């Protein structure tokens, strides 16, 4: 997680002439959605919103599920407020 976060944040992929982080991921056949999930988890770890123990105790799949549920909840509230 930390490595991908660092590559994206510091734009290290540009040193190898990749125009974007997405292009870098495609070259190495990484699943872009999965990498972004890992980066999101790592960002939450850095911000102190989750702890490494949460991942150890519940597993990374559970953490992904919690983030997905939270995102869906936010979208549902947005749709209700703006009647979309």
N, C-alpha and C. Protein backbone atom coordinates (compact mmCIF):
# COMPACT_ATOMS: atom_id res chain seq x y z
N UNK A 1 0.83 -1.19 0.00
CA UNK A 1 0.00 0.00 0.00
C UNK A 1 0.87 1.25 0.00
N UNK A 2 1.87 1.25 0.86
CA UNK A 2 2.70 2.44 1.00
C UNK A 2 3.44 2.77 -0.30
N UNK A 3 3.92 1.74 -0.97
CA UNK A 3 4.68 1.96 -2.20
C UNK A 3 3.81 2.62 -3.27
N UNK A 4 2.62 2.08 -3.50
CA UNK A 4 1.74 2.65 -4.51
C UNK A 4 1.32 4.07 -4.13
N UNK A 5 1.06 4.28 -2.86
CA UNK A 5 0.71 5.62 -2.37
C UNK A 5 1.84 6.60 -2.70
N UNK A 6 3.06 6.19 -2.41
CA UNK A 6 4.23 7.04 -2.66
C UNK A 6 4.42 7.32 -4.15
N UNK A 7 4.29 6.29 -4.96
CA UNK A 7 4.45 6.45 -6.41
C UNK A 7 3.43 7.45 -6.94
N UNK A 8 2.19 7.34 -6.49
CA UNK A 8 1.14 8.25 -6.96
C UNK A 8 1.35 9.65 -6.40
N UNK A 9 1.53 9.76 -5.11
CA UNK A 9 1.63 11.06 -4.44
C UNK A 9 2.82 11.88 -4.96
N UNK A 10 3.95 11.23 -5.12
CA UNK A 10 5.17 11.94 -5.54
C UNK A 10 5.37 11.91 -7.05
N UNK A 11 4.39 11.32 -7.77
CA UNK A 11 4.41 11.23 -9.23
C UNK A 11 5.71 10.60 -9.74
N UNK A 12 6.16 9.56 -9.07
CA UNK A 12 7.41 8.89 -9.44
C UNK A 12 7.32 8.18 -10.78
N UNK A 13 6.11 7.84 -11.21
CA UNK A 13 5.91 7.17 -12.50
C UNK A 13 6.41 8.03 -13.65
N UNK A 14 6.46 9.34 -13.48
CA UNK A 14 6.90 10.24 -14.55
C UNK A 14 8.38 10.07 -14.88
N UNK A 15 9.17 9.59 -13.92
CA UNK A 15 10.59 9.37 -14.17
C UNK A 15 10.82 8.27 -15.19
N UNK A 16 9.84 7.40 -15.36
CA UNK A 16 9.91 6.34 -16.37
C UNK A 16 9.07 6.68 -17.59
N UNK A 17 8.77 7.95 -17.74
CA UNK A 17 8.05 8.49 -18.91
C UNK A 17 6.60 8.03 -19.03
N UNK A 18 5.97 7.67 -17.92
CA UNK A 18 4.53 7.40 -17.95
C UNK A 18 3.83 8.74 -17.76
N UNK A 19 2.83 9.00 -18.59
CA UNK A 19 2.14 10.29 -18.52
C UNK A 19 1.18 10.38 -17.34
N UNK A 20 0.75 9.22 -16.85
CA UNK A 20 -0.22 9.21 -15.74
C UNK A 20 0.01 7.98 -14.86
N UNK A 21 -0.55 8.05 -13.67
CA UNK A 21 -0.49 6.91 -12.77
C UNK A 21 -1.25 5.73 -13.37
N UNK A 22 -2.36 6.02 -14.04
CA UNK A 22 -3.16 4.97 -14.69
C UNK A 22 -2.35 4.25 -15.76
N UNK A 23 -1.58 5.00 -16.54
CA UNK A 23 -0.75 4.38 -17.58
C UNK A 23 0.31 3.47 -16.95
N UNK A 24 0.88 3.91 -15.85
CA UNK A 24 1.85 3.11 -15.11
C UNK A 24 1.22 1.79 -14.66
N UNK A 25 0.01 1.87 -14.10
CA UNK A 25 -0.68 0.67 -13.62
C UNK A 25 -1.00 -0.29 -14.77
N UNK A 26 -1.46 0.26 -15.89
CA UNK A 26 -1.79 -0.58 -17.04
C UNK A 26 -0.56 -1.33 -17.56
N UNK A 27 0.58 -0.67 -17.58
CA UNK A 27 1.80 -1.30 -18.08
C UNK A 27 2.15 -2.55 -17.26
N UNK A 28 1.97 -2.47 -15.97
CA UNK A 28 2.29 -3.60 -15.10
C UNK A 28 1.10 -4.52 -14.86
N UNK A 29 0.02 -4.30 -15.57
CA UNK A 29 -1.20 -5.11 -15.48
C UNK A 29 -1.81 -5.14 -14.09
N UNK A 30 -1.68 -4.03 -13.37
CA UNK A 30 -2.33 -3.91 -12.07
C UNK A 30 -3.77 -3.50 -12.28
N UNK A 31 -4.66 -4.04 -11.49
CA UNK A 31 -6.05 -3.64 -11.54
C UNK A 31 -6.17 -2.27 -10.87
N UNK A 32 -6.54 -1.29 -11.66
CA UNK A 32 -6.57 0.09 -11.19
C UNK A 32 -7.51 0.29 -10.00
N UNK A 33 -8.68 -0.29 -10.05
CA UNK A 33 -9.65 -0.13 -8.95
C UNK A 33 -9.10 -0.70 -7.65
N UNK A 34 -8.45 -1.85 -7.72
CA UNK A 34 -7.89 -2.47 -6.52
C UNK A 34 -6.77 -1.61 -5.94
N UNK A 35 -5.90 -1.11 -6.78
CA UNK A 35 -4.80 -0.26 -6.31
C UNK A 35 -5.35 0.98 -5.63
N UNK A 36 -6.37 1.60 -6.22
CA UNK A 36 -6.96 2.79 -5.60
C UNK A 36 -7.61 2.45 -4.26
N UNK A 37 -8.17 1.27 -4.13
CA UNK A 37 -8.72 0.85 -2.83
C UNK A 37 -7.61 0.75 -1.78
N UNK A 38 -6.50 0.14 -2.17
CA UNK A 38 -5.37 0.03 -1.24
C UNK A 38 -4.82 1.41 -0.86
N UNK A 39 -4.74 2.30 -1.83
CA UNK A 39 -4.26 3.66 -1.54
C UNK A 39 -5.22 4.35 -0.59
N UNK A 40 -6.50 4.15 -0.79
CA UNK A 40 -7.50 4.76 0.10
C UNK A 40 -7.35 4.24 1.53
N UNK A 41 -7.15 2.95 1.67
CA UNK A 41 -6.95 2.36 3.01
C UNK A 41 -5.69 2.94 3.64
N UNK A 42 -4.62 3.02 2.87
CA UNK A 42 -3.37 3.55 3.40
C UNK A 42 -3.52 5.01 3.81
N UNK A 43 -4.24 5.79 3.03
CA UNK A 43 -4.49 7.19 3.38
C UNK A 43 -5.26 7.29 4.69
N UNK A 44 -6.24 6.42 4.87
CA UNK A 44 -7.00 6.42 6.12
C UNK A 44 -6.12 6.01 7.30
N UNK A 45 -5.18 5.10 7.06
CA UNK A 45 -4.21 4.74 8.11
C UNK A 45 -3.36 5.95 8.48
N UNK A 46 -2.88 6.67 7.48
CA UNK A 46 -2.05 7.85 7.73
C UNK A 46 -2.82 8.93 8.49
N UNK A 47 -4.10 9.06 8.17
CA UNK A 47 -4.94 10.08 8.81
C UNK A 47 -5.45 9.66 10.18
N UNK A 48 -5.16 8.42 10.57
CA UNK A 48 -5.58 7.94 11.88
C UNK A 48 -7.04 7.53 11.97
N UNK A 49 -7.72 7.43 10.82
CA UNK A 49 -9.14 7.06 10.83
C UNK A 49 -9.34 5.57 11.03
N UNK A 50 -8.35 4.78 10.64
CA UNK A 50 -8.35 3.35 10.95
C UNK A 50 -6.97 3.00 11.49
N UNK A 51 -6.90 1.87 12.14
CA UNK A 51 -5.63 1.40 12.71
C UNK A 51 -5.25 0.10 12.04
N UNK A 52 -3.97 -0.18 12.05
CA UNK A 52 -3.49 -1.42 11.47
C UNK A 52 -4.13 -2.63 12.15
N UNK A 53 -4.46 -2.47 13.43
CA UNK A 53 -5.13 -3.55 14.17
C UNK A 53 -6.51 -3.84 13.57
N UNK A 54 -7.17 -2.80 13.05
CA UNK A 54 -8.47 -3.01 12.40
C UNK A 54 -8.33 -3.97 11.22
N UNK A 55 -7.27 -3.79 10.46
CA UNK A 55 -7.02 -4.66 9.31
C UNK A 55 -6.64 -6.06 9.79
N UNK A 56 -5.77 -6.13 10.79
CA UNK A 56 -5.36 -7.44 11.33
C UNK A 56 -6.55 -8.21 11.90
N UNK A 57 -7.42 -7.51 12.61
CA UNK A 57 -8.55 -8.17 13.28
C UNK A 57 -9.69 -8.52 12.32
N UNK A 58 -9.91 -7.69 11.31
CA UNK A 58 -11.08 -7.86 10.44
C UNK A 58 -10.76 -8.27 9.01
N UNK A 59 -9.53 -8.05 8.58
CA UNK A 59 -9.14 -8.35 7.21
C UNK A 59 -9.35 -7.17 6.28
N UNK A 60 -8.57 -7.14 5.23
CA UNK A 60 -8.63 -6.03 4.28
C UNK A 60 -9.96 -6.02 3.52
N UNK A 61 -10.52 -7.19 3.23
CA UNK A 61 -11.79 -7.26 2.52
C UNK A 61 -12.90 -6.58 3.32
N UNK A 62 -12.88 -6.76 4.63
CA UNK A 62 -13.88 -6.11 5.49
C UNK A 62 -13.71 -4.59 5.44
N UNK A 63 -12.47 -4.12 5.47
CA UNK A 63 -12.21 -2.67 5.41
C UNK A 63 -12.73 -2.12 4.08
N UNK A 64 -12.48 -2.82 2.97
CA UNK A 64 -13.02 -2.40 1.67
C UNK A 64 -14.54 -2.32 1.72
N UNK A 65 -15.16 -3.31 2.34
CA UNK A 65 -16.62 -3.36 2.45
C UNK A 65 -17.15 -2.17 3.24
N UNK A 66 -16.48 -1.84 4.34
CA UNK A 66 -16.90 -0.69 5.16
C UNK A 66 -16.81 0.59 4.35
N UNK A 67 -15.72 0.78 3.61
CA UNK A 67 -15.57 1.98 2.78
C UNK A 67 -16.65 2.04 1.71
N UNK A 68 -16.96 0.91 1.10
CA UNK A 68 -18.01 0.87 0.07
C UNK A 68 -19.36 1.23 0.65
N UNK A 69 -19.67 0.69 1.81
CA UNK A 69 -20.95 0.99 2.47
C UNK A 69 -21.02 2.46 2.83
N UNK A 70 -19.92 3.02 3.31
CA UNK A 70 -19.87 4.43 3.68
C UNK A 70 -20.08 5.31 2.44
N UNK A 71 -19.42 4.96 1.35
CA UNK A 71 -19.55 5.72 0.10
C UNK A 71 -20.99 5.65 -0.41
N UNK A 72 -21.60 4.47 -0.37
CA UNK A 72 -22.99 4.32 -0.81
C UNK A 72 -23.92 5.15 0.07
N UNK A 73 -23.66 5.18 1.35
CA UNK A 73 -24.46 5.97 2.28
C UNK A 73 -24.37 7.45 1.94
N UNK A 74 -23.16 7.93 1.64
CA UNK A 74 -22.99 9.33 1.27
C UNK A 74 -23.72 9.65 -0.03
N UNK A 75 -23.62 8.75 -1.01
CA UNK A 75 -24.31 8.97 -2.29
C UNK A 75 -25.82 8.99 -2.11
N UNK A 76 -26.34 8.07 -1.30
CA UNK A 76 -27.78 8.05 -1.05
C UNK A 76 -28.24 9.35 -0.41
N UNK A 77 -27.48 9.85 0.55
CA UNK A 77 -27.83 11.13 1.18
C UNK A 77 -27.78 12.27 0.18
N UNK A 78 -26.79 12.26 -0.69
CA UNK A 78 -26.67 13.29 -1.73
C UNK A 78 -27.89 13.26 -2.64
N UNK A 79 -28.28 12.06 -3.08
CA UNK A 79 -29.43 11.94 -3.96
C UNK A 79 -30.72 12.40 -3.29
N UNK A 80 -30.86 12.12 -2.00
CA UNK A 80 -32.05 12.56 -1.26
C UNK A 80 -32.10 14.08 -1.16
N UNK A 81 -30.97 14.68 -0.85
CA UNK A 81 -30.92 16.14 -0.68
C UNK A 81 -31.19 16.85 -2.01
N UNK A 82 -30.61 16.35 -3.08
CA UNK A 82 -30.73 17.02 -4.37
C UNK A 82 -31.80 16.41 -5.27
N UNK A 83 -32.56 15.46 -4.77
CA UNK A 83 -33.67 14.83 -5.50
C UNK A 83 -33.25 14.37 -6.89
N UNK A 84 -32.13 13.69 -6.95
CA UNK A 84 -31.66 13.19 -8.25
C UNK A 84 -32.22 11.80 -8.48
